[in-house]
N, C-alpha and C. Protein backbone atom coordinates (compact mmCIF):
# COMPACT_ATOMS: atom_id res chain seq x y z
N MET A 1 -16.04 12.04 -24.49
CA MET A 1 -15.85 10.79 -25.11
C MET A 1 -14.59 10.11 -24.37
N VAL A 2 -14.75 8.85 -24.12
CA VAL A 2 -13.74 8.03 -23.50
C VAL A 2 -12.81 7.51 -24.42
N SER A 3 -11.61 7.79 -24.52
CA SER A 3 -10.70 7.44 -25.64
C SER A 3 -9.52 6.39 -25.36
N SER A 4 -9.04 6.24 -24.23
CA SER A 4 -8.05 5.22 -23.84
C SER A 4 -8.66 4.18 -22.84
N ASP A 5 -7.84 3.06 -22.83
CA ASP A 5 -8.14 1.98 -21.86
C ASP A 5 -8.15 2.60 -20.51
N TYR A 6 -7.20 3.48 -20.11
CA TYR A 6 -7.26 3.95 -18.90
C TYR A 6 -8.50 4.79 -18.62
N GLU A 7 -8.80 5.63 -19.48
CA GLU A 7 -10.05 6.38 -19.22
C GLU A 7 -11.32 5.41 -19.16
N ARG A 8 -11.28 4.35 -19.97
CA ARG A 8 -12.48 3.46 -19.87
C ARG A 8 -12.38 2.84 -18.43
N ARG A 9 -11.34 2.42 -17.97
CA ARG A 9 -11.18 1.82 -16.56
C ARG A 9 -11.70 2.85 -15.50
N ILE A 10 -11.19 4.10 -15.61
CA ILE A 10 -11.75 5.12 -14.77
C ILE A 10 -13.27 5.33 -14.76
N ALA A 11 -13.81 5.37 -16.02
CA ALA A 11 -15.12 5.53 -16.08
C ALA A 11 -16.03 4.44 -15.57
N ALA A 12 -15.41 3.20 -15.60
CA ALA A 12 -16.07 2.12 -14.91
C ALA A 12 -16.22 2.39 -13.37
N ARG A 13 -15.31 3.06 -12.85
CA ARG A 13 -15.33 3.44 -11.39
C ARG A 13 -16.48 4.22 -11.04
N PHE A 14 -16.99 5.02 -12.04
CA PHE A 14 -18.08 5.93 -11.85
C PHE A 14 -19.39 5.24 -11.22
N ALA A 15 -19.54 4.17 -11.73
CA ALA A 15 -20.74 3.45 -11.09
C ALA A 15 -20.66 3.16 -9.48
N GLY A 16 -19.58 3.17 -9.15
CA GLY A 16 -19.34 2.83 -7.64
C GLY A 16 -19.81 4.03 -6.87
N PHE A 17 -19.63 5.25 -7.43
CA PHE A 17 -20.00 6.41 -6.69
C PHE A 17 -21.51 6.84 -7.02
N ASP A 18 -22.07 6.49 -8.12
CA ASP A 18 -23.42 6.77 -8.62
C ASP A 18 -24.35 5.82 -7.73
N GLN A 19 -24.48 5.80 -6.67
CA GLN A 19 -25.23 5.02 -5.70
C GLN A 19 -26.74 4.70 -6.19
N ASP A 20 -27.29 5.83 -6.72
CA ASP A 20 -28.70 5.68 -7.19
C ASP A 20 -28.94 5.45 -8.60
N GLY A 21 -27.82 5.31 -9.34
CA GLY A 21 -27.88 5.05 -10.82
C GLY A 21 -28.52 6.10 -11.71
N ASN A 22 -28.47 7.34 -11.42
CA ASN A 22 -29.22 8.31 -12.06
C ASN A 22 -28.23 9.01 -13.10
N GLY A 23 -27.07 8.63 -13.23
CA GLY A 23 -26.32 9.19 -14.42
C GLY A 23 -25.29 10.12 -13.86
N TYR A 24 -25.27 10.62 -12.65
CA TYR A 24 -24.34 11.59 -12.13
C TYR A 24 -24.15 11.34 -10.68
N ILE A 25 -23.02 11.79 -10.09
CA ILE A 25 -22.45 11.88 -8.77
C ILE A 25 -22.91 13.12 -8.14
N ASP A 26 -23.58 13.05 -6.88
CA ASP A 26 -23.89 14.18 -6.17
C ASP A 26 -23.83 13.89 -4.74
N ARG A 27 -24.06 14.94 -3.99
CA ARG A 27 -23.97 14.75 -2.52
C ARG A 27 -24.97 13.67 -1.91
N GLU A 28 -26.12 13.45 -2.59
CA GLU A 28 -26.95 12.37 -2.09
C GLU A 28 -26.52 10.96 -2.31
N ASP A 29 -25.55 10.82 -3.33
CA ASP A 29 -24.97 9.58 -3.50
C ASP A 29 -24.06 9.25 -2.30
N PHE A 30 -23.33 10.29 -1.81
CA PHE A 30 -22.50 10.13 -0.63
C PHE A 30 -23.34 9.89 0.69
N ASN A 31 -24.49 10.66 0.79
CA ASN A 31 -25.28 10.33 1.95
C ASN A 31 -25.88 8.90 1.74
N ALA A 32 -26.30 8.47 0.61
CA ALA A 32 -26.85 7.21 0.44
C ALA A 32 -25.78 6.18 1.02
N ALA A 33 -24.47 6.40 0.60
CA ALA A 33 -23.42 5.40 0.94
C ALA A 33 -23.44 5.40 2.42
N THR A 34 -23.32 6.50 3.04
CA THR A 34 -23.26 6.82 4.51
C THR A 34 -24.46 5.94 5.21
N LYS A 35 -25.65 6.25 4.84
CA LYS A 35 -26.79 5.46 5.41
C LYS A 35 -26.72 4.03 5.20
N ALA A 36 -26.16 3.44 4.09
CA ALA A 36 -26.01 2.02 3.91
C ALA A 36 -24.96 1.49 4.85
N VAL A 37 -23.90 2.14 5.09
CA VAL A 37 -22.91 1.64 5.89
C VAL A 37 -23.42 1.57 7.38
N LEU A 38 -23.94 2.62 7.83
CA LEU A 38 -24.37 2.72 9.13
C LEU A 38 -25.58 1.70 9.43
N ALA A 39 -26.51 1.48 8.31
CA ALA A 39 -27.54 0.47 8.70
C ALA A 39 -26.80 -0.91 8.56
N GLU A 40 -25.94 -1.13 7.88
CA GLU A 40 -25.30 -2.53 7.79
C GLU A 40 -24.65 -2.86 9.25
N PHE A 41 -24.14 -1.80 9.93
CA PHE A 41 -23.63 -1.97 11.22
C PHE A 41 -24.41 -1.56 12.34
N GLY A 42 -25.63 -1.22 12.09
CA GLY A 42 -26.57 -0.90 13.20
C GLY A 42 -26.15 0.32 14.02
N THR A 43 -25.44 1.22 13.25
CA THR A 43 -24.83 2.33 13.92
C THR A 43 -25.77 3.52 13.80
N ALA A 44 -26.07 4.33 14.87
CA ALA A 44 -26.98 5.45 14.61
C ALA A 44 -26.37 6.52 13.99
N ALA A 45 -27.35 7.15 13.16
CA ALA A 45 -26.72 8.58 12.45
C ALA A 45 -26.14 9.63 13.42
N ARG A 46 -26.85 9.64 14.62
CA ARG A 46 -26.55 10.74 15.59
C ARG A 46 -25.42 10.28 16.52
N SER A 47 -24.99 9.21 16.34
CA SER A 47 -23.78 8.72 17.27
C SER A 47 -22.63 9.32 16.73
N ASP A 48 -21.60 9.37 17.59
CA ASP A 48 -20.23 9.96 17.23
C ASP A 48 -19.79 9.25 16.00
N LYS A 49 -19.82 8.03 15.83
CA LYS A 49 -19.30 7.27 14.68
C LYS A 49 -20.25 7.71 13.50
N GLY A 50 -21.39 7.84 13.65
CA GLY A 50 -22.35 8.17 12.53
C GLY A 50 -22.16 9.52 12.07
N GLN A 51 -21.82 10.37 13.02
CA GLN A 51 -21.68 11.76 12.65
C GLN A 51 -20.32 11.92 11.94
N ALA A 52 -19.29 11.09 12.24
CA ALA A 52 -17.95 11.29 11.85
C ALA A 52 -18.03 10.69 10.36
N LEU A 53 -18.98 9.75 10.12
CA LEU A 53 -19.00 9.21 8.79
C LEU A 53 -19.84 10.18 7.88
N TYR A 54 -20.83 10.94 8.37
CA TYR A 54 -21.54 11.85 7.56
C TYR A 54 -20.49 12.98 7.22
N ILE A 55 -19.65 13.46 8.24
CA ILE A 55 -18.70 14.54 7.94
C ILE A 55 -17.74 14.11 7.02
N GLY A 56 -17.29 12.80 7.09
CA GLY A 56 -16.37 12.29 6.25
C GLY A 56 -16.81 12.29 4.75
N ALA A 57 -18.14 11.74 4.64
CA ALA A 57 -18.72 11.76 3.28
C ALA A 57 -18.85 13.09 2.74
N GLU A 58 -19.23 14.11 3.54
CA GLU A 58 -19.30 15.45 3.12
C GLU A 58 -17.91 16.02 2.52
N ALA A 59 -16.91 15.73 3.36
CA ALA A 59 -15.51 16.18 2.92
C ALA A 59 -15.20 15.47 1.66
N PHE A 60 -15.45 14.23 1.47
CA PHE A 60 -15.17 13.38 0.25
C PHE A 60 -16.01 14.02 -0.86
N TRP A 61 -17.23 14.44 -0.76
CA TRP A 61 -17.94 14.88 -1.77
C TRP A 61 -17.41 16.17 -2.22
N GLN A 62 -16.99 17.06 -1.26
CA GLN A 62 -16.58 18.47 -1.61
C GLN A 62 -15.12 18.41 -2.39
N GLY A 63 -14.24 17.38 -1.77
CA GLY A 63 -13.01 17.11 -2.47
C GLY A 63 -13.21 16.52 -3.99
N MET A 64 -14.21 15.60 -4.02
CA MET A 64 -14.51 15.23 -5.45
C MET A 64 -15.15 16.27 -6.38
N ALA A 65 -16.12 16.95 -5.84
CA ALA A 65 -16.73 18.03 -6.60
C ALA A 65 -15.48 19.11 -7.01
N GLY A 66 -14.68 19.37 -6.18
CA GLY A 66 -13.49 20.29 -6.49
C GLY A 66 -12.71 19.91 -7.46
N ILE A 67 -12.50 18.50 -7.71
CA ILE A 67 -11.61 17.77 -8.70
C ILE A 67 -12.46 17.78 -10.15
N ALA A 68 -13.70 17.42 -9.97
CA ALA A 68 -14.38 17.04 -11.22
C ALA A 68 -15.60 17.86 -11.67
N ASP A 69 -16.17 18.55 -10.80
CA ASP A 69 -17.34 19.32 -11.26
C ASP A 69 -17.02 20.45 -11.92
N ARG A 70 -16.79 20.37 -13.18
CA ARG A 70 -16.19 21.66 -14.05
C ARG A 70 -17.21 22.80 -14.09
N ASP A 71 -18.49 22.35 -14.31
CA ASP A 71 -19.60 23.41 -14.47
C ASP A 71 -20.19 24.00 -13.24
N GLY A 72 -19.85 23.38 -11.97
CA GLY A 72 -20.29 23.95 -10.73
C GLY A 72 -21.73 23.82 -10.45
N ASP A 73 -22.28 22.68 -11.09
CA ASP A 73 -23.82 22.40 -10.84
C ASP A 73 -23.99 21.60 -9.64
N GLN A 74 -22.97 21.10 -8.88
CA GLN A 74 -23.07 20.31 -7.68
C GLN A 74 -23.46 18.86 -8.27
N ARG A 75 -23.11 18.49 -9.47
CA ARG A 75 -23.40 17.18 -9.93
C ARG A 75 -22.08 16.95 -10.74
N ILE A 76 -21.70 15.60 -10.78
CA ILE A 76 -20.60 15.27 -11.53
C ILE A 76 -21.18 14.15 -12.61
N THR A 77 -21.03 14.49 -13.73
CA THR A 77 -21.43 13.53 -14.81
C THR A 77 -20.20 12.44 -15.10
N ARG A 78 -20.59 11.47 -15.81
CA ARG A 78 -19.66 10.54 -16.18
C ARG A 78 -18.50 11.10 -16.87
N GLU A 79 -18.65 12.07 -17.78
CA GLU A 79 -17.64 12.76 -18.60
C GLU A 79 -16.75 13.59 -17.56
N GLU A 80 -17.28 14.28 -16.69
CA GLU A 80 -16.70 15.18 -15.83
C GLU A 80 -15.78 14.21 -14.86
N PHE A 81 -16.42 13.15 -14.36
CA PHE A 81 -15.59 12.26 -13.58
C PHE A 81 -14.22 11.83 -14.40
N VAL A 82 -14.63 11.25 -15.52
CA VAL A 82 -13.43 10.80 -16.28
C VAL A 82 -12.49 11.80 -16.70
N SER A 83 -12.79 13.06 -17.05
CA SER A 83 -11.87 14.08 -17.30
C SER A 83 -11.15 14.55 -16.07
N GLY A 84 -11.92 14.81 -14.93
CA GLY A 84 -11.32 15.19 -13.65
C GLY A 84 -10.36 14.10 -13.24
N ALA A 85 -10.75 12.92 -13.11
CA ALA A 85 -9.91 11.80 -12.70
C ALA A 85 -8.65 11.69 -13.60
N VAL A 86 -8.74 11.82 -14.79
CA VAL A 86 -7.66 11.55 -15.73
C VAL A 86 -6.81 12.70 -15.69
N LYS A 87 -7.40 13.92 -15.79
CA LYS A 87 -6.57 15.18 -15.71
C LYS A 87 -5.79 15.50 -14.45
N ARG A 88 -6.43 15.26 -13.39
CA ARG A 88 -6.01 15.64 -11.99
C ARG A 88 -5.46 14.63 -11.11
N LEU A 89 -5.74 13.37 -11.47
CA LEU A 89 -5.24 12.51 -10.43
C LEU A 89 -4.42 11.46 -10.96
N ARG A 90 -4.23 11.31 -12.31
CA ARG A 90 -3.20 10.48 -12.93
C ARG A 90 -1.77 10.55 -12.44
N ASP A 91 -1.35 11.97 -12.18
CA ASP A 91 -0.05 12.19 -11.74
C ASP A 91 0.05 12.13 -10.25
N ASN A 92 -1.02 12.16 -9.44
CA ASN A 92 -1.07 12.33 -8.07
C ASN A 92 -2.12 11.48 -7.42
N PRO A 93 -2.07 10.08 -7.40
CA PRO A 93 -3.02 9.38 -6.90
C PRO A 93 -3.23 9.49 -5.29
N GLU A 94 -2.16 9.86 -4.70
CA GLU A 94 -2.30 10.12 -3.24
C GLU A 94 -3.31 11.26 -2.91
N ARG A 95 -3.38 12.35 -3.83
CA ARG A 95 -4.36 13.27 -3.63
C ARG A 95 -5.86 12.72 -3.48
N PHE A 96 -6.09 11.97 -4.31
CA PHE A 96 -7.47 11.29 -4.25
C PHE A 96 -7.64 10.45 -3.01
N ALA A 97 -6.71 9.79 -2.75
CA ALA A 97 -6.79 9.07 -1.37
C ALA A 97 -6.96 10.01 -0.27
N GLU A 98 -6.20 11.10 -0.18
CA GLU A 98 -6.43 11.88 0.86
C GLU A 98 -7.84 12.68 1.03
N ILE A 99 -8.39 12.95 -0.27
CA ILE A 99 -9.82 13.44 -0.08
C ILE A 99 -10.85 12.45 0.32
N ALA A 100 -10.50 11.22 0.15
CA ALA A 100 -11.31 10.14 0.69
C ALA A 100 -11.05 9.65 2.06
N ARG A 101 -9.80 10.06 2.63
CA ARG A 101 -9.44 9.53 3.94
C ARG A 101 -10.43 9.81 5.08
N PRO A 102 -10.96 10.90 5.28
CA PRO A 102 -11.89 11.13 6.35
C PRO A 102 -13.05 10.17 6.25
N PHE A 103 -13.57 9.80 5.04
CA PHE A 103 -14.82 8.96 4.86
C PHE A 103 -14.36 7.45 5.14
N LEU A 104 -13.10 7.18 4.61
CA LEU A 104 -12.46 5.90 4.85
C LEU A 104 -12.30 5.54 6.23
N HIS A 105 -11.63 6.66 6.92
CA HIS A 105 -11.33 6.51 8.42
C HIS A 105 -12.61 6.16 9.24
N ALA A 106 -13.64 7.08 8.83
CA ALA A 106 -14.88 6.92 9.62
C ALA A 106 -15.64 5.55 9.44
N ALA A 107 -15.39 5.24 8.10
CA ALA A 107 -16.18 3.82 7.70
C ALA A 107 -15.28 2.69 8.36
N LEU A 108 -14.07 2.81 8.54
CA LEU A 108 -13.24 1.89 9.35
C LEU A 108 -13.58 1.83 10.79
N ALA A 109 -14.01 3.00 11.40
CA ALA A 109 -14.38 3.02 12.75
C ALA A 109 -15.70 2.42 12.93
N VAL A 110 -16.63 2.55 12.13
CA VAL A 110 -17.95 2.04 12.12
C VAL A 110 -17.82 0.45 11.98
N ALA A 111 -16.99 -0.04 11.06
CA ALA A 111 -16.98 -1.46 10.88
C ALA A 111 -16.10 -2.14 11.88
N ASP A 112 -15.15 -1.42 12.51
CA ASP A 112 -14.40 -1.97 13.61
C ASP A 112 -15.09 -2.25 14.94
N THR A 113 -15.77 -3.38 15.00
CA THR A 113 -16.83 -3.69 15.93
C THR A 113 -16.10 -3.98 17.40
N ASP A 114 -14.74 -4.37 17.28
CA ASP A 114 -14.09 -4.60 18.57
C ASP A 114 -13.27 -3.41 18.92
N GLY A 115 -13.11 -2.40 18.17
CA GLY A 115 -12.54 -1.16 18.60
C GLY A 115 -10.94 -1.12 18.60
N ASP A 116 -10.29 -2.10 17.85
CA ASP A 116 -8.99 -2.32 17.98
C ASP A 116 -8.22 -1.31 16.86
N GLY A 117 -8.88 -0.65 16.08
CA GLY A 117 -8.40 0.17 15.20
C GLY A 117 -8.13 -0.53 13.73
N ALA A 118 -8.78 -1.55 13.56
CA ALA A 118 -8.60 -2.30 12.21
C ALA A 118 -10.04 -3.01 12.01
N ALA A 119 -10.33 -3.33 10.79
CA ALA A 119 -11.63 -4.15 10.61
C ALA A 119 -11.14 -5.58 10.15
N THR A 120 -11.87 -6.50 10.38
CA THR A 120 -11.50 -7.83 9.82
C THR A 120 -11.93 -7.80 8.42
N VAL A 121 -11.46 -8.94 7.73
CA VAL A 121 -11.73 -9.11 6.31
C VAL A 121 -13.42 -9.13 6.17
N GLU A 122 -13.95 -9.93 7.06
CA GLU A 122 -15.47 -10.10 6.88
C GLU A 122 -16.04 -8.56 7.21
N GLU A 123 -15.72 -7.77 8.11
CA GLU A 123 -16.25 -6.62 8.30
C GLU A 123 -15.99 -5.66 7.17
N THR A 124 -14.89 -5.76 6.46
CA THR A 124 -14.59 -5.08 5.19
C THR A 124 -15.56 -5.49 4.17
N THR A 125 -15.73 -6.68 3.94
CA THR A 125 -16.63 -7.45 3.02
C THR A 125 -18.13 -6.67 3.17
N ARG A 126 -18.52 -6.55 4.62
CA ARG A 126 -19.77 -6.01 4.82
C ARG A 126 -19.81 -4.59 4.31
N VAL A 127 -18.89 -3.73 4.54
CA VAL A 127 -18.82 -2.39 4.07
C VAL A 127 -18.99 -2.35 2.67
N LEU A 128 -18.15 -3.11 1.99
CA LEU A 128 -18.25 -3.05 0.58
C LEU A 128 -19.58 -3.55 -0.01
N ARG A 129 -20.18 -4.60 0.57
CA ARG A 129 -21.59 -4.96 0.19
C ARG A 129 -22.40 -3.80 0.42
N ALA A 130 -22.43 -3.16 1.58
CA ALA A 130 -23.32 -1.96 1.74
C ALA A 130 -23.20 -0.94 0.72
N LEU A 131 -22.00 -0.80 0.24
CA LEU A 131 -21.91 0.22 -0.71
C LEU A 131 -22.18 -0.31 -2.18
N GLY A 132 -22.68 -1.55 -2.28
CA GLY A 132 -23.27 -1.96 -3.48
C GLY A 132 -22.39 -2.90 -4.38
N VAL A 133 -21.24 -3.39 -3.76
CA VAL A 133 -20.39 -4.26 -4.38
C VAL A 133 -21.04 -5.79 -4.18
N GLY A 134 -20.91 -6.45 -5.28
CA GLY A 134 -21.51 -7.86 -5.17
C GLY A 134 -20.78 -8.66 -4.05
N GLU A 135 -21.39 -9.71 -3.71
CA GLU A 135 -20.90 -10.63 -2.65
C GLU A 135 -19.43 -11.16 -3.03
N ALA A 136 -19.35 -11.77 -4.12
CA ALA A 136 -18.06 -12.38 -4.43
C ALA A 136 -17.03 -11.53 -4.75
N VAL A 137 -17.45 -10.29 -5.35
CA VAL A 137 -16.33 -9.37 -5.55
C VAL A 137 -15.84 -8.56 -4.24
N ALA A 138 -16.88 -8.47 -3.39
CA ALA A 138 -16.64 -7.80 -2.02
C ALA A 138 -15.65 -8.58 -1.28
N ALA A 139 -15.88 -9.79 -1.26
CA ALA A 139 -15.01 -10.76 -0.54
C ALA A 139 -13.51 -10.79 -1.04
N THR A 140 -13.50 -10.89 -2.43
CA THR A 140 -12.11 -10.82 -2.96
C THR A 140 -11.41 -9.50 -2.91
N VAL A 141 -12.11 -8.55 -2.89
CA VAL A 141 -11.47 -7.16 -2.63
C VAL A 141 -10.91 -7.02 -1.27
N ALA A 142 -11.84 -7.40 -0.28
CA ALA A 142 -11.49 -7.23 1.12
C ALA A 142 -10.29 -8.14 1.49
N ALA A 143 -10.25 -9.23 0.85
CA ALA A 143 -9.09 -10.14 1.19
C ALA A 143 -7.82 -9.51 0.45
N ALA A 144 -7.92 -8.98 -0.63
CA ALA A 144 -6.73 -8.37 -1.25
C ALA A 144 -6.42 -7.16 -0.48
N LEU A 145 -7.22 -6.42 0.19
CA LEU A 145 -6.76 -5.31 1.08
C LEU A 145 -5.89 -5.80 2.21
N ASP A 146 -6.00 -6.91 2.68
CA ASP A 146 -5.37 -7.48 3.79
C ASP A 146 -4.06 -7.84 3.29
N VAL A 147 -3.10 -6.82 2.91
CA VAL A 147 -1.83 -7.00 2.41
C VAL A 147 -1.00 -7.81 3.14
N ASP A 148 -0.88 -7.72 4.35
CA ASP A 148 0.08 -8.51 5.28
C ASP A 148 -0.60 -9.88 5.76
N ALA A 149 -1.81 -10.11 5.29
CA ALA A 149 -2.45 -11.30 5.59
C ALA A 149 -2.74 -11.70 7.10
N ASP A 150 -2.87 -10.73 7.87
CA ASP A 150 -3.09 -10.82 9.24
C ASP A 150 -4.63 -11.00 9.63
N GLY A 151 -5.42 -10.95 8.60
CA GLY A 151 -6.83 -10.96 8.88
C GLY A 151 -7.57 -9.58 9.34
N ARG A 152 -6.66 -8.51 9.49
CA ARG A 152 -6.97 -7.25 9.77
C ARG A 152 -6.70 -6.22 8.86
N ILE A 153 -7.59 -5.26 8.59
CA ILE A 153 -7.26 -4.38 7.54
C ILE A 153 -7.23 -2.91 8.29
N GLY A 154 -6.22 -2.26 8.27
CA GLY A 154 -6.21 -0.88 8.78
C GLY A 154 -6.32 0.28 7.85
N GLU A 155 -6.16 1.44 8.47
CA GLU A 155 -6.48 2.62 7.55
C GLU A 155 -5.43 2.57 6.41
N THR A 156 -4.29 2.40 6.78
CA THR A 156 -3.14 2.51 5.62
C THR A 156 -3.50 1.56 4.47
N GLU A 157 -3.90 0.38 4.88
CA GLU A 157 -4.20 -0.53 3.67
C GLU A 157 -5.54 -0.23 3.03
N ILE A 158 -6.53 0.37 3.80
CA ILE A 158 -7.76 0.84 3.10
C ILE A 158 -7.45 2.01 2.05
N VAL A 159 -6.76 3.01 2.69
CA VAL A 159 -6.39 4.23 1.83
C VAL A 159 -5.62 3.90 0.73
N SER A 160 -4.50 3.24 0.77
CA SER A 160 -3.75 2.81 -0.22
C SER A 160 -4.42 1.87 -1.41
N GLY A 161 -5.09 1.05 -0.99
CA GLY A 161 -6.00 0.22 -1.77
C GLY A 161 -7.05 0.96 -2.56
N PHE A 162 -7.62 1.95 -1.90
CA PHE A 162 -8.56 2.67 -2.47
C PHE A 162 -7.96 3.68 -3.68
N ALA A 163 -6.61 4.17 -3.28
CA ALA A 163 -6.05 4.95 -4.19
C ALA A 163 -5.63 4.14 -5.59
N ARG A 164 -5.13 2.86 -5.35
CA ARG A 164 -4.75 2.02 -6.50
C ARG A 164 -6.00 1.78 -7.21
N TYR A 165 -7.19 1.40 -6.56
CA TYR A 165 -8.38 1.15 -7.32
C TYR A 165 -8.82 2.27 -8.17
N PHE A 166 -9.06 3.44 -7.79
CA PHE A 166 -9.60 4.68 -8.37
C PHE A 166 -8.70 5.47 -9.05
N THR A 167 -7.35 5.16 -8.96
CA THR A 167 -6.52 5.95 -9.79
C THR A 167 -5.51 5.03 -10.50
N VAL A 168 -5.96 4.12 -11.34
CA VAL A 168 -5.27 3.01 -11.92
C VAL A 168 -4.22 3.69 -12.89
N PRO A 169 -2.98 3.18 -12.98
CA PRO A 169 -2.08 3.95 -13.74
C PRO A 169 -2.33 3.64 -15.08
N GLU A 170 -1.83 4.48 -16.18
CA GLU A 170 -1.94 4.23 -17.57
C GLU A 170 -1.12 3.06 -18.08
């Protein structure tokens, strides 16, 4: 049962991970996210960038399962996600960002079409759209990630933005 406003906000984040909408998060959701990002940028799964993204997604899944999969069934229900996020991440949002870092790093590399180590706001919007975020929201979020307003979004901005979004304070 979701009891606080904080828990309700965390529960709303669940849908972002449940890529297929089947009511739980599992490894397939992370694979689907990876495939969508690779397809958006025309990156081959067997390329170095593609493999790095799959490896990052697996690391992210393992970290997420370690935090939230209480019954060990390799699926995270909405209740497990809320309980895991609330119990383990409220006091340490950096931990959540660190389990996501390999995936975020690899997604940035895929989106960084000119190879300068950062993605443009437009490239970041494309990643977010590939992950199922609506067009208007994706553009707004991508622009907000560009903290220094230089038109480029680097790993530090992405990881800290991710941590803020998924581990909203009480």
